[in-house]
Amino acid sequence: MILGFNRGEDYIEVLCGTTNKVYGDYVGRLKINNNGEYFITCECCPGCPLVNVTPEAFEKHALKEGTGRWKSNIWVHCEDEDRVPLWKTPLTKYYTHQANVANWKDTAMRKRNFHRDEFLHCTSCRKERRFRLKSRPDIKNYHEALNNKSWTCSLWPYHKITCDDDEERPSLRASRGCSRSSTCQGCSTCYCEGCIKCRFEDCNCQECRDFMLYAEP
């Protein structure tokens, strides 16, 4: 049903494009291999150097940089409808985050999903230590500490502490940084069940593996 469909030995390929409101359509060919990797070769003009790039790079080439909405911005032509966004087609079912790290890595660093502060018990003294999840590296520090069954105060990433240092007062621990309420214990604003900012392609925990292999793009 998709125009320009071609099946190779280990890939499928279709005609695709994205529209710039000023300069018009940028057309290309989307190739999806057996691993679920997405590549686009641009054909906007003869000799265009953009070959086998990510959907996000194709967006940038069409001067749509920073949108991060390639599933909506990149379209294909179907037999009964023109310019159908990728998210409306069966093509997205082949996409996995694990196979397309290059496509979302920059987006993950820019993404503004809010993550509340979390606390972790030291396995030695049982005191709670705060982790501020403001950036992806901060979240990675907490994620690794959470998966470390022998985590202790000396491994706290912010500055050097020991088990002898006092933990935060209960009145301070009640605040976890939620923008909706200072004493929120978890709401749709500050609690995240998993996104590309807090799941990691090089982590072998079940949550990260499932997200990278099965979460929608």
N, C-alpha and C. Protein backbone atom coordinates (compact mmCIF):
# COMPACT_ATOMS: atom_id res chain seq x y z
N MET A 1 0.81 -1.21 0.00
CA MET A 1 0.00 0.00 0.00
C MET A 1 0.84 1.27 0.00
N ILE A 2 2.15 1.17 0.34
CA ILE A 2 3.02 2.34 0.40
C ILE A 2 3.79 2.46 -0.91
N LEU A 3 3.75 3.63 -1.52
CA LEU A 3 4.39 3.83 -2.81
C LEU A 3 5.91 3.74 -2.68
N GLY A 4 6.54 3.19 -3.71
CA GLY A 4 7.99 3.05 -3.72
C GLY A 4 8.50 1.91 -2.87
N PHE A 5 7.59 1.01 -2.45
CA PHE A 5 8.00 -0.10 -1.59
C PHE A 5 8.92 -1.05 -2.35
N ASN A 6 10.02 -1.40 -1.67
CA ASN A 6 10.97 -2.34 -2.26
C ASN A 6 11.50 -3.24 -1.15
N ARG A 7 11.54 -4.54 -1.40
CA ARG A 7 12.04 -5.50 -0.41
C ARG A 7 13.37 -6.06 -0.87
N GLY A 8 14.42 -5.86 -0.07
CA GLY A 8 15.72 -6.43 -0.35
C GLY A 8 15.94 -7.69 0.46
N GLU A 9 17.16 -8.20 0.43
CA GLU A 9 17.46 -9.44 1.13
C GLU A 9 17.33 -9.29 2.64
N ASP A 10 17.75 -8.14 3.18
CA ASP A 10 17.68 -7.94 4.62
C ASP A 10 17.13 -6.57 4.99
N TYR A 11 16.30 -6.00 4.12
CA TYR A 11 15.74 -4.68 4.40
C TYR A 11 14.47 -4.47 3.59
N ILE A 12 13.70 -3.45 4.00
CA ILE A 12 12.63 -2.93 3.16
C ILE A 12 12.90 -1.45 2.95
N GLU A 13 12.38 -0.89 1.87
CA GLU A 13 12.65 0.50 1.52
C GLU A 13 11.39 1.12 0.93
N VAL A 14 11.12 2.38 1.31
CA VAL A 14 9.95 3.09 0.78
C VAL A 14 10.35 4.53 0.47
N LEU A 15 9.57 5.17 -0.39
CA LEU A 15 9.73 6.60 -0.62
C LEU A 15 9.21 7.35 0.59
N CYS A 16 9.91 8.42 0.97
CA CYS A 16 9.47 9.21 2.11
C CYS A 16 9.77 10.68 1.84
N GLY A 17 9.41 11.53 2.78
CA GLY A 17 9.70 12.95 2.62
C GLY A 17 9.31 13.72 3.85
N THR A 18 9.68 14.98 3.89
CA THR A 18 9.24 15.91 4.93
C THR A 18 9.05 17.26 4.28
N THR A 19 8.16 18.06 4.82
CA THR A 19 7.79 19.32 4.18
C THR A 19 8.26 20.51 4.99
N ASN A 20 9.02 21.39 4.33
CA ASN A 20 9.41 22.67 4.91
C ASN A 20 8.45 23.73 4.36
N LYS A 21 7.83 24.50 5.24
CA LYS A 21 6.80 25.44 4.80
C LYS A 21 7.32 26.51 3.85
N VAL A 22 8.63 26.77 3.91
CA VAL A 22 9.22 27.79 3.04
C VAL A 22 9.77 27.18 1.76
N TYR A 23 10.51 26.06 1.88
CA TYR A 23 11.23 25.51 0.74
C TYR A 23 10.55 24.30 0.10
N GLY A 24 9.43 23.87 0.66
CA GLY A 24 8.71 22.77 0.04
C GLY A 24 9.12 21.40 0.53
N ASP A 25 8.92 20.38 -0.31
CA ASP A 25 9.15 18.99 0.07
C ASP A 25 10.60 18.58 -0.11
N TYR A 26 11.12 17.87 0.88
CA TYR A 26 12.41 17.19 0.78
C TYR A 26 12.08 15.70 0.69
N VAL A 27 12.42 15.07 -0.40
CA VAL A 27 12.07 13.66 -0.59
C VAL A 27 13.31 12.78 -0.40
N GLY A 28 13.05 11.52 -0.09
CA GLY A 28 14.15 10.58 0.09
C GLY A 28 13.64 9.16 0.11
N ARG A 29 14.52 8.24 0.52
CA ARG A 29 14.14 6.84 0.62
C ARG A 29 14.48 6.35 2.02
N LEU A 30 13.47 5.81 2.68
CA LEU A 30 13.64 5.26 4.03
C LEU A 30 13.92 3.77 3.93
N LYS A 31 15.04 3.35 4.54
CA LYS A 31 15.41 1.93 4.54
C LYS A 31 15.39 1.43 5.99
N ILE A 32 14.75 0.29 6.19
CA ILE A 32 14.67 -0.35 7.50
C ILE A 32 15.25 -1.75 7.38
N ASN A 33 16.33 -2.03 8.12
CA ASN A 33 16.94 -3.36 8.00
C ASN A 33 16.38 -4.33 9.01
N ASN A 34 16.87 -5.56 8.99
CA ASN A 34 16.34 -6.62 9.84
C ASN A 34 16.53 -6.34 11.32
N ASN A 35 17.48 -5.48 11.67
CA ASN A 35 17.72 -5.16 13.07
C ASN A 35 16.80 -4.05 13.57
N GLY A 36 16.02 -3.45 12.66
CA GLY A 36 15.15 -2.35 13.05
C GLY A 36 15.82 -0.99 12.94
N GLU A 37 16.97 -0.91 12.27
CA GLU A 37 17.64 0.37 12.10
C GLU A 37 16.98 1.16 10.97
N TYR A 38 16.79 2.44 11.21
CA TYR A 38 16.19 3.35 10.23
C TYR A 38 17.28 4.19 9.58
N PHE A 39 17.32 4.19 8.25
CA PHE A 39 18.26 5.04 7.50
C PHE A 39 17.49 5.76 6.40
N ILE A 40 17.84 7.01 6.17
CA ILE A 40 17.21 7.77 5.09
C ILE A 40 18.30 8.32 4.16
N THR A 41 18.11 8.13 2.87
CA THR A 41 18.96 8.74 1.85
C THR A 41 18.15 9.84 1.18
N CYS A 42 18.65 11.06 1.27
CA CYS A 42 17.91 12.20 0.74
C CYS A 42 18.09 12.31 -0.77
N GLU A 43 17.01 12.64 -1.46
CA GLU A 43 17.03 12.84 -2.90
C GLU A 43 16.42 14.21 -3.24
N CYS A 44 16.71 15.19 -2.38
CA CYS A 44 16.11 16.51 -2.58
C CYS A 44 16.67 17.20 -3.83
N CYS A 45 17.89 16.82 -4.21
CA CYS A 45 18.49 17.38 -5.43
C CYS A 45 19.55 16.40 -5.92
N PRO A 46 19.91 16.44 -7.19
CA PRO A 46 20.96 15.55 -7.69
C PRO A 46 22.28 15.76 -6.94
N GLY A 47 22.86 14.68 -6.48
CA GLY A 47 24.15 14.77 -5.79
C GLY A 47 24.06 15.15 -4.34
N CYS A 48 22.87 15.11 -3.73
CA CYS A 48 22.74 15.44 -2.31
C CYS A 48 23.62 14.48 -1.50
N PRO A 49 24.45 15.01 -0.60
CA PRO A 49 25.41 14.15 0.13
C PRO A 49 24.80 13.37 1.29
N LEU A 50 23.52 13.58 1.58
CA LEU A 50 22.91 12.94 2.74
C LEU A 50 22.55 11.49 2.40
N VAL A 51 23.37 10.55 2.87
CA VAL A 51 23.17 9.12 2.56
C VAL A 51 23.15 8.33 3.86
N ASN A 52 22.13 7.50 4.03
CA ASN A 52 22.00 6.62 5.19
C ASN A 52 22.15 7.38 6.51
N VAL A 53 21.35 8.42 6.68
CA VAL A 53 21.36 9.19 7.92
C VAL A 53 20.13 8.86 8.74
N THR A 54 20.11 9.33 9.98
CA THR A 54 18.98 9.06 10.86
C THR A 54 17.79 9.94 10.48
N PRO A 55 16.58 9.54 10.89
CA PRO A 55 15.42 10.40 10.64
C PRO A 55 15.59 11.80 11.22
N GLU A 56 16.20 11.90 12.39
CA GLU A 56 16.39 13.24 12.97
C GLU A 56 17.36 14.07 12.14
N ALA A 57 18.41 13.44 11.60
CA ALA A 57 19.34 14.17 10.73
C ALA A 57 18.65 14.61 9.45
N PHE A 58 17.74 13.80 8.94
CA PHE A 58 16.98 14.17 7.75
C PHE A 58 16.09 15.37 8.05
N GLU A 59 15.49 15.39 9.25
CA GLU A 59 14.71 16.55 9.69
C GLU A 59 15.56 17.82 9.68
N LYS A 60 16.76 17.72 10.25
CA LYS A 60 17.64 18.88 10.32
C LYS A 60 18.02 19.36 8.93
N HIS A 61 18.27 18.42 8.02
CA HIS A 61 18.62 18.77 6.65
C HIS A 61 17.49 19.56 5.99
N ALA A 62 16.25 19.25 6.36
CA ALA A 62 15.10 19.96 5.81
C ALA A 62 14.79 21.23 6.61
N LEU A 63 15.75 21.65 7.43
CA LEU A 63 15.63 22.88 8.23
C LEU A 63 14.47 22.80 9.22
N LYS A 64 14.27 21.60 9.76
CA LYS A 64 13.27 21.42 10.81
C LYS A 64 13.98 21.02 12.10
N GLU A 65 15.19 21.55 12.30
CA GLU A 65 16.04 21.17 13.42
C GLU A 65 15.37 21.52 14.75
N GLY A 66 15.52 20.58 15.68
CA GLY A 66 15.04 20.82 17.03
C GLY A 66 13.61 20.40 17.29
N THR A 67 12.89 19.98 16.24
CA THR A 67 11.50 19.60 16.46
C THR A 67 11.39 18.27 17.19
N GLY A 68 12.24 17.30 16.83
CA GLY A 68 12.21 16.01 17.50
C GLY A 68 10.92 15.24 17.32
N ARG A 69 10.18 15.57 16.27
CA ARG A 69 8.89 14.91 16.04
C ARG A 69 8.91 14.20 14.69
N TRP A 70 9.97 13.45 14.44
CA TRP A 70 10.17 12.86 13.12
C TRP A 70 9.05 11.89 12.73
N LYS A 71 8.42 11.24 13.70
CA LYS A 71 7.33 10.31 13.36
C LYS A 71 6.15 11.04 12.74
N SER A 72 5.99 12.31 13.10
CA SER A 72 4.91 13.12 12.52
C SER A 72 5.37 13.91 11.31
N ASN A 73 6.62 14.37 11.34
CA ASN A 73 7.12 15.24 10.27
C ASN A 73 7.52 14.49 9.01
N ILE A 74 7.94 13.25 9.15
CA ILE A 74 8.34 12.46 7.98
C ILE A 74 7.14 11.64 7.53
N TRP A 75 6.86 11.70 6.23
CA TRP A 75 5.67 11.05 5.70
C TRP A 75 6.02 10.10 4.55
N VAL A 76 5.05 9.28 4.22
CA VAL A 76 5.14 8.40 3.05
C VAL A 76 3.85 8.59 2.24
N HIS A 77 3.90 8.17 0.98
CA HIS A 77 2.71 8.20 0.12
C HIS A 77 2.09 6.81 0.08
N CYS A 78 0.79 6.74 0.33
CA CYS A 78 0.06 5.48 0.20
C CYS A 78 -0.80 5.53 -1.06
N GLU A 79 -1.30 4.39 -1.45
CA GLU A 79 -2.09 4.32 -2.68
C GLU A 79 -3.33 5.20 -2.64
N ASP A 80 -3.92 5.31 -1.44
CA ASP A 80 -5.18 6.06 -1.33
C ASP A 80 -5.03 7.37 -0.57
N GLU A 81 -3.79 7.75 -0.21
CA GLU A 81 -3.60 8.98 0.57
C GLU A 81 -2.16 9.46 0.44
N ASP A 82 -1.99 10.78 0.27
CA ASP A 82 -0.65 11.36 0.20
C ASP A 82 -0.20 11.85 1.57
N ARG A 83 1.12 11.87 1.75
CA ARG A 83 1.74 12.44 2.94
C ARG A 83 1.14 11.89 4.24
N VAL A 84 1.26 10.59 4.41
CA VAL A 84 0.79 9.93 5.63
C VAL A 84 1.95 9.89 6.63
N PRO A 85 1.80 10.50 7.83
CA PRO A 85 2.89 10.49 8.81
C PRO A 85 3.31 9.06 9.17
N LEU A 86 4.59 8.88 9.45
CA LEU A 86 5.09 7.53 9.75
C LEU A 86 4.33 6.87 10.89
N TRP A 87 3.93 7.67 11.89
CA TRP A 87 3.29 7.05 13.06
C TRP A 87 1.94 6.41 12.71
N LYS A 88 1.37 6.78 11.57
CA LYS A 88 0.10 6.20 11.16
C LYS A 88 0.29 4.95 10.30
N THR A 89 1.52 4.57 10.03
CA THR A 89 1.80 3.43 9.16
C THR A 89 2.31 2.25 9.97
N PRO A 90 2.31 1.05 9.40
CA PRO A 90 2.86 -0.12 10.10
C PRO A 90 4.39 -0.08 10.21
N LEU A 91 5.04 0.87 9.56
CA LEU A 91 6.50 0.89 9.54
C LEU A 91 7.11 1.06 10.93
N THR A 92 6.42 1.80 11.81
CA THR A 92 7.00 2.08 13.12
C THR A 92 7.09 0.83 14.00
N LYS A 93 6.38 -0.22 13.65
CA LYS A 93 6.44 -1.42 14.49
C LYS A 93 7.81 -2.09 14.41
N TYR A 94 8.59 -1.74 13.38
CA TYR A 94 9.93 -2.33 13.25
C TYR A 94 10.98 -1.55 14.03
N TYR A 95 10.62 -0.38 14.53
CA TYR A 95 11.58 0.51 15.19
C TYR A 95 11.87 0.04 16.62
N THR A 96 13.15 0.01 17.00
CA THR A 96 13.53 -0.21 18.40
C THR A 96 14.54 0.86 18.79
N HIS A 97 14.44 1.33 20.03
CA HIS A 97 15.39 2.32 20.52
C HIS A 97 16.81 1.76 20.53
N GLN A 98 16.93 0.46 20.84
CA GLN A 98 18.25 -0.15 20.93
C GLN A 98 19.00 -0.07 19.61
N ALA A 99 18.28 -0.24 18.49
CA ALA A 99 18.91 -0.27 17.18
C ALA A 99 19.13 1.12 16.60
N ASN A 100 18.56 2.14 17.24
CA ASN A 100 18.61 3.49 16.66
C ASN A 100 19.10 4.53 17.65
N VAL A 101 20.14 4.16 18.40
CA VAL A 101 20.68 5.06 19.43
C VAL A 101 21.05 6.42 18.83
N ALA A 102 21.67 6.42 17.64
CA ALA A 102 22.12 7.67 17.04
C ALA A 102 20.96 8.61 16.74
N ASN A 103 19.77 8.05 16.58
CA ASN A 103 18.61 8.88 16.22
C ASN A 103 18.06 9.66 17.41
N TRP A 104 18.18 9.10 18.62
CA TRP A 104 17.55 9.76 19.76
C TRP A 104 18.52 10.25 20.82
N LYS A 105 19.83 10.02 20.62
CA LYS A 105 20.80 10.38 21.66
C LYS A 105 20.75 11.88 21.97
N ASP A 106 20.79 12.71 20.94
CA ASP A 106 20.75 14.16 21.15
C ASP A 106 19.40 14.58 21.74
N THR A 107 18.33 13.94 21.28
CA THR A 107 17.01 14.26 21.79
C THR A 107 16.92 13.97 23.28
N ALA A 108 17.53 12.87 23.71
CA ALA A 108 17.50 12.51 25.12
C ALA A 108 18.17 13.58 25.98
N MET A 109 19.25 14.18 25.47
CA MET A 109 19.94 15.22 26.23
C MET A 109 19.12 16.50 26.29
N ARG A 110 18.32 16.75 25.24
CA ARG A 110 17.50 17.98 25.21
C ARG A 110 16.17 17.80 25.91
N LYS A 111 15.72 16.57 26.03
CA LYS A 111 14.36 16.32 26.50
C LYS A 111 14.14 16.92 27.89
N ARG A 112 13.00 17.54 28.08
CA ARG A 112 12.73 18.26 29.31
C ARG A 112 11.78 17.51 30.25
N ASN A 113 11.62 16.20 30.04
CA ASN A 113 10.80 15.43 30.98
C ASN A 113 11.30 15.66 32.40
N PHE A 114 10.38 15.97 33.30
CA PHE A 114 10.77 16.25 34.68
C PHE A 114 10.88 14.96 35.46
N HIS A 115 11.94 14.84 36.24
CA HIS A 115 12.13 13.69 37.11
C HIS A 115 12.38 14.20 38.53
N ARG A 116 11.59 13.74 39.45
CA ARG A 116 11.71 14.20 40.83
C ARG A 116 12.99 13.67 41.47
N ASP A 117 13.39 14.27 42.58
CA ASP A 117 14.52 13.77 43.34
C ASP A 117 14.17 12.40 43.93
N GLU A 118 15.18 11.55 44.02
CA GLU A 118 14.98 10.23 44.62
C GLU A 118 15.96 10.04 45.77
N PHE A 119 15.61 9.12 46.68
CA PHE A 119 16.47 8.82 47.82
C PHE A 119 16.88 7.35 47.77
N LEU A 120 18.07 7.10 48.28
CA LEU A 120 18.59 5.73 48.29
C LEU A 120 19.20 5.45 49.66
N HIS A 121 18.90 4.28 50.19
CA HIS A 121 19.45 3.87 51.48
C HIS A 121 20.87 3.34 51.32
N CYS A 122 21.74 3.77 52.19
CA CYS A 122 23.09 3.19 52.26
C CYS A 122 22.95 1.77 52.82
N THR A 123 23.62 0.82 52.21
CA THR A 123 23.51 -0.57 52.68
C THR A 123 24.27 -0.81 53.97
N SER A 124 25.11 0.17 54.36
CA SER A 124 25.89 0.02 55.57
C SER A 124 25.21 0.67 56.77
N CYS A 125 24.90 1.97 56.64
CA CYS A 125 24.34 2.71 57.77
C CYS A 125 22.83 2.90 57.68
N ARG A 126 22.23 2.60 56.51
CA ARG A 126 20.80 2.72 56.26
C ARG A 126 20.31 4.16 56.21
N LYS A 127 21.21 5.12 56.17
CA LYS A 127 20.79 6.51 56.01
C LYS A 127 20.37 6.76 54.56
N GLU A 128 19.43 7.69 54.36
CA GLU A 128 18.95 8.02 53.03
C GLU A 128 19.75 9.17 52.45
N ARG A 129 20.14 9.01 51.18
CA ARG A 129 20.87 10.07 50.49
C ARG A 129 20.08 10.50 49.25
N ARG A 130 20.05 11.82 49.04
CA ARG A 130 19.26 12.39 47.95
C ARG A 130 20.03 12.35 46.62
N PHE A 131 19.32 12.02 45.55
CA PHE A 131 19.85 12.12 44.18
C PHE A 131 18.97 13.11 43.42
N ARG A 132 19.58 14.14 42.87
CA ARG A 132 18.84 15.14 42.10
C ARG A 132 18.90 14.77 40.62
N LEU A 133 17.76 14.47 40.03
CA LEU A 133 17.71 13.95 38.66
C LEU A 133 17.42 15.08 37.67
N LYS A 134 18.37 16.00 37.54
CA LYS A 134 18.18 17.17 36.68
C LYS A 134 18.61 16.93 35.24
N SER A 135 19.55 16.03 35.03
CA SER A 135 20.07 15.79 33.68
C SER A 135 20.22 14.28 33.47
N ARG A 136 20.49 13.90 32.23
CA ARG A 136 20.66 12.47 31.94
C ARG A 136 21.86 11.87 32.69
N PRO A 137 23.01 12.56 32.77
CA PRO A 137 24.11 12.02 33.60
C PRO A 137 23.71 11.86 35.06
N ASP A 138 22.93 12.81 35.61
CA ASP A 138 22.46 12.68 36.99
C ASP A 138 21.60 11.44 37.15
N ILE A 139 20.70 11.24 36.18
CA ILE A 139 19.80 10.08 36.23
C ILE A 139 20.60 8.79 36.11
N LYS A 140 21.65 8.80 35.26
CA LYS A 140 22.49 7.61 35.10
C LYS A 140 23.18 7.27 36.42
N ASN A 141 23.65 8.29 37.15
CA ASN A 141 24.29 8.05 38.45
C ASN A 141 23.32 7.36 39.41
N TYR A 142 22.08 7.86 39.44
CA TYR A 142 21.09 7.25 40.34
C TYR A 142 20.74 5.83 39.89
N HIS A 143 20.59 5.66 38.59
CA HIS A 143 20.22 4.35 38.05
C HIS A 143 21.28 3.29 38.39
N GLU A 144 22.54 3.67 38.25
CA GLU A 144 23.62 2.73 38.57
C GLU A 144 23.68 2.45 40.07
N ALA A 145 23.45 3.49 40.87
CA ALA A 145 23.45 3.29 42.32
C ALA A 145 22.30 2.39 42.76
N LEU A 146 21.13 2.58 42.15
CA LEU A 146 19.96 1.78 42.49
C LEU A 146 20.19 0.30 42.17
N ASN A 147 20.93 0.03 41.12
CA ASN A 147 21.20 -1.36 40.72
C ASN A 147 22.42 -1.96 41.42
N ASN A 148 23.08 -1.14 42.23
CA ASN A 148 24.24 -1.62 43.00
C ASN A 148 23.75 -2.10 44.36
N LYS A 149 23.74 -3.39 44.59
CA LYS A 149 23.18 -3.96 45.81
C LYS A 149 24.06 -3.70 47.03
N SER A 150 25.24 -3.15 46.82
CA SER A 150 26.12 -2.85 47.96
C SER A 150 26.49 -1.37 47.98
N TRP A 151 25.56 -0.53 47.55
CA TRP A 151 25.84 0.91 47.49
C TRP A 151 25.97 1.49 48.89
N THR A 152 27.00 2.33 49.07
CA THR A 152 27.24 2.97 50.37
C THR A 152 27.41 4.47 50.19
N CYS A 153 27.39 5.18 51.30
CA CYS A 153 27.49 6.64 51.28
C CYS A 153 28.75 7.13 50.56
N SER A 154 29.83 6.38 50.66
CA SER A 154 31.10 6.81 50.05
C SER A 154 31.01 6.88 48.53
N LEU A 155 29.97 6.27 47.94
CA LEU A 155 29.80 6.28 46.49
C LEU A 155 28.87 7.39 46.02
N TRP A 156 28.39 8.20 46.94
CA TRP A 156 27.50 9.31 46.57
C TRP A 156 28.22 10.21 45.57
N PRO A 157 27.63 10.56 44.43
CA PRO A 157 28.37 11.19 43.34
C PRO A 157 28.61 12.70 43.46
N TYR A 158 28.02 13.37 44.42
CA TYR A 158 28.09 14.83 44.44
C TYR A 158 29.33 15.37 45.15
N HIS A 159 29.57 14.91 46.35
CA HIS A 159 30.81 15.25 47.03
C HIS A 159 31.11 14.15 48.05
N LYS A 160 32.29 14.19 48.59
CA LYS A 160 32.74 13.11 49.46
C LYS A 160 32.01 13.13 50.79
N ILE A 161 31.34 12.03 51.10
CA ILE A 161 30.71 11.88 52.41
C ILE A 161 31.00 10.48 52.93
N THR A 162 30.73 10.28 54.21
CA THR A 162 30.86 8.95 54.83
C THR A 162 29.58 8.65 55.59
N CYS A 163 29.50 7.48 56.12
CA CYS A 163 28.33 7.09 56.89
C CYS A 163 28.19 7.91 58.17
N ASP A 164 29.25 8.60 58.59
CA ASP A 164 29.18 9.43 59.79
C ASP A 164 28.45 10.74 59.55
N ASP A 165 28.32 11.15 58.27
CA ASP A 165 27.61 12.40 57.97
C ASP A 165 26.11 12.23 58.19
N ASP A 166 25.50 13.30 58.73
CA ASP A 166 24.07 13.26 59.00
C ASP A 166 23.27 13.18 57.70
N GLU A 167 22.14 12.52 57.75
CA GLU A 167 21.24 12.55 56.61
C GLU A 167 20.34 13.78 56.70
N GLU A 168 19.63 14.07 55.64
CA GLU A 168 18.74 15.23 55.64
C GLU A 168 17.66 15.10 56.71
N ARG A 169 17.26 16.26 57.24
CA ARG A 169 16.15 16.26 58.19
C ARG A 169 14.86 15.82 57.50
N PRO A 170 13.95 15.18 58.23
CA PRO A 170 12.68 14.73 57.62
C PRO A 170 11.92 15.85 56.93
N SER A 171 11.98 17.05 57.46
CA SER A 171 11.26 18.17 56.85
C SER A 171 11.83 18.51 55.48
N LEU A 172 13.13 18.33 55.28
CA LEU A 172 13.76 18.58 53.98
C LEU A 172 13.50 17.42 53.02
N ARG A 173 13.52 16.20 53.55
CA ARG A 173 13.29 15.03 52.70
C ARG A 173 11.88 15.02 52.12
N ALA A 174 10.95 15.72 52.77
CA ALA A 174 9.58 15.75 52.28
C ALA A 174 9.48 16.45 50.93
N SER A 175 10.44 17.33 50.63
CA SER A 175 10.42 18.04 49.35
C SER A 175 11.29 17.28 48.35
N ARG A 176 10.67 16.90 47.21
CA ARG A 176 11.39 16.12 46.20
C ARG A 176 11.47 16.84 44.87
N GLY A 177 11.20 18.16 44.89
CA GLY A 177 11.43 18.96 43.70
C GLY A 177 10.29 19.03 42.71
N CYS A 178 9.12 18.50 43.05
CA CYS A 178 7.99 18.56 42.13
C CYS A 178 7.57 20.01 41.91
N SER A 179 7.35 20.37 40.65
CA SER A 179 6.96 21.75 40.33
C SER A 179 5.50 22.03 40.68
N ARG A 180 4.71 20.99 40.90
CA ARG A 180 3.29 21.15 41.24
C ARG A 180 3.09 21.38 42.72
N SER A 181 3.82 20.60 43.53
CA SER A 181 3.67 20.69 44.97
C SER A 181 5.00 20.35 45.63
N SER A 182 5.44 21.17 46.58
CA SER A 182 6.74 20.95 47.22
C SER A 182 6.78 19.68 48.04
N THR A 183 5.62 19.20 48.49
CA THR A 183 5.59 17.99 49.32
C THR A 183 4.98 16.80 48.56
N CYS A 184 4.93 16.89 47.25
CA CYS A 184 4.35 15.81 46.44
C CYS A 184 5.15 14.53 46.62
N GLN A 185 4.44 13.41 46.72
CA GLN A 185 5.08 12.11 46.87
C GLN A 185 5.05 11.30 45.57
N GLY A 186 4.62 11.95 44.48
CA GLY A 186 4.58 11.26 43.20
C GLY A 186 3.30 11.55 42.45
N CYS A 187 3.41 12.26 41.31
CA CYS A 187 2.23 12.57 40.51
C CYS A 187 2.62 12.48 39.04
N SER A 188 1.67 12.73 38.15
CA SER A 188 1.95 12.63 36.72
C SER A 188 2.95 13.67 36.25
N THR A 189 3.14 14.73 37.03
CA THR A 189 4.09 15.78 36.66
C THR A 189 5.53 15.37 36.93
N CYS A 190 5.76 14.69 38.06
CA CYS A 190 7.15 14.43 38.47
C CYS A 190 7.54 12.95 38.44
N TYR A 191 6.58 12.05 38.29
CA TYR A 191 6.92 10.62 38.28
C TYR A 191 6.95 10.09 36.86
N CYS A 192 8.07 9.51 36.48
CA CYS A 192 8.24 8.99 35.12
C CYS A 192 8.32 7.47 35.17
N GLU A 193 7.56 6.82 34.30
CA GLU A 193 7.57 5.35 34.24
C GLU A 193 8.59 4.83 33.23
N GLY A 194 9.31 5.74 32.57
CA GLY A 194 10.32 5.31 31.62
C GLY A 194 10.30 6.15 30.36
N CYS A 195 11.43 6.76 30.01
CA CYS A 195 11.54 7.55 28.78
C CYS A 195 12.99 7.46 28.30
N ILE A 196 13.27 8.07 27.16
CA ILE A 196 14.62 7.96 26.62
C ILE A 196 15.65 8.74 27.44
N LYS A 197 15.17 9.52 28.39
CA LYS A 197 16.09 10.25 29.26
C LYS A 197 16.53 9.41 30.46
N CYS A 198 15.70 8.44 30.85
CA CYS A 198 16.02 7.66 32.06
C CYS A 198 16.14 6.16 31.80
N ARG A 199 16.24 5.77 30.52
CA ARG A 199 16.54 4.39 30.18
C ARG A 199 17.80 4.39 29.33
N PHE A 200 18.64 3.38 29.50
CA PHE A 200 19.99 3.44 28.94
C PHE A 200 20.31 2.20 28.11
N GLU A 201 20.86 2.46 26.90
CA GLU A 201 21.10 1.38 25.96
C GLU A 201 22.21 0.44 26.40
N ASP A 202 23.10 0.91 27.29
CA ASP A 202 24.22 0.07 27.73
C ASP A 202 23.96 -0.58 29.09
N CYS A 203 22.73 -0.50 29.57
CA CYS A 203 22.37 -1.10 30.86
C CYS A 203 21.66 -2.43 30.61
N ASN A 204 21.95 -3.43 31.43
CA ASN A 204 21.37 -4.76 31.25
C ASN A 204 20.21 -5.06 32.19
N CYS A 205 19.73 -4.04 32.92
CA CYS A 205 18.60 -4.30 33.80
C CYS A 205 17.34 -4.54 32.96
N GLN A 206 16.36 -5.19 33.55
CA GLN A 206 15.15 -5.57 32.80
C GLN A 206 14.39 -4.36 32.28
N GLU A 207 14.31 -3.30 33.09
CA GLU A 207 13.56 -2.11 32.68
C GLU A 207 14.17 -1.48 31.43
N CYS A 208 15.49 -1.33 31.41
CA CYS A 208 16.16 -0.72 30.26
C CYS A 208 16.07 -1.61 29.03
N ARG A 209 16.26 -2.90 29.21
CA ARG A 209 16.19 -3.82 28.06
C ARG A 209 14.80 -3.79 27.43
N ASP A 210 13.77 -3.85 28.28
CA ASP A 210 12.40 -3.85 27.75
C ASP A 210 12.10 -2.54 27.03
N PHE A 211 12.56 -1.42 27.60
CA PHE A 211 12.29 -0.13 26.96
C PHE A 211 12.98 -0.05 25.61
N MET A 212 14.25 -0.41 25.56
CA MET A 212 15.01 -0.29 24.34
C MET A 212 14.49 -1.19 23.22
N LEU A 213 13.92 -2.32 23.60
CA LEU A 213 13.46 -3.29 22.58
C LEU A 213 11.99 -3.14 22.21
N TYR A 214 11.17 -2.68 23.17
CA TYR A 214 9.73 -2.77 22.94
C TYR A 214 8.96 -1.45 23.05
N ALA A 215 9.57 -0.40 23.61
CA ALA A 215 8.84 0.87 23.77
C ALA A 215 8.59 1.52 22.41
N GLU A 216 7.49 2.22 22.29
CA GLU A 216 7.17 2.90 21.05
C GLU A 216 8.17 4.03 20.80
N PRO A 217 8.49 4.31 19.52
CA PRO A 217 9.43 5.40 19.21
C PRO A 217 8.85 6.76 19.54
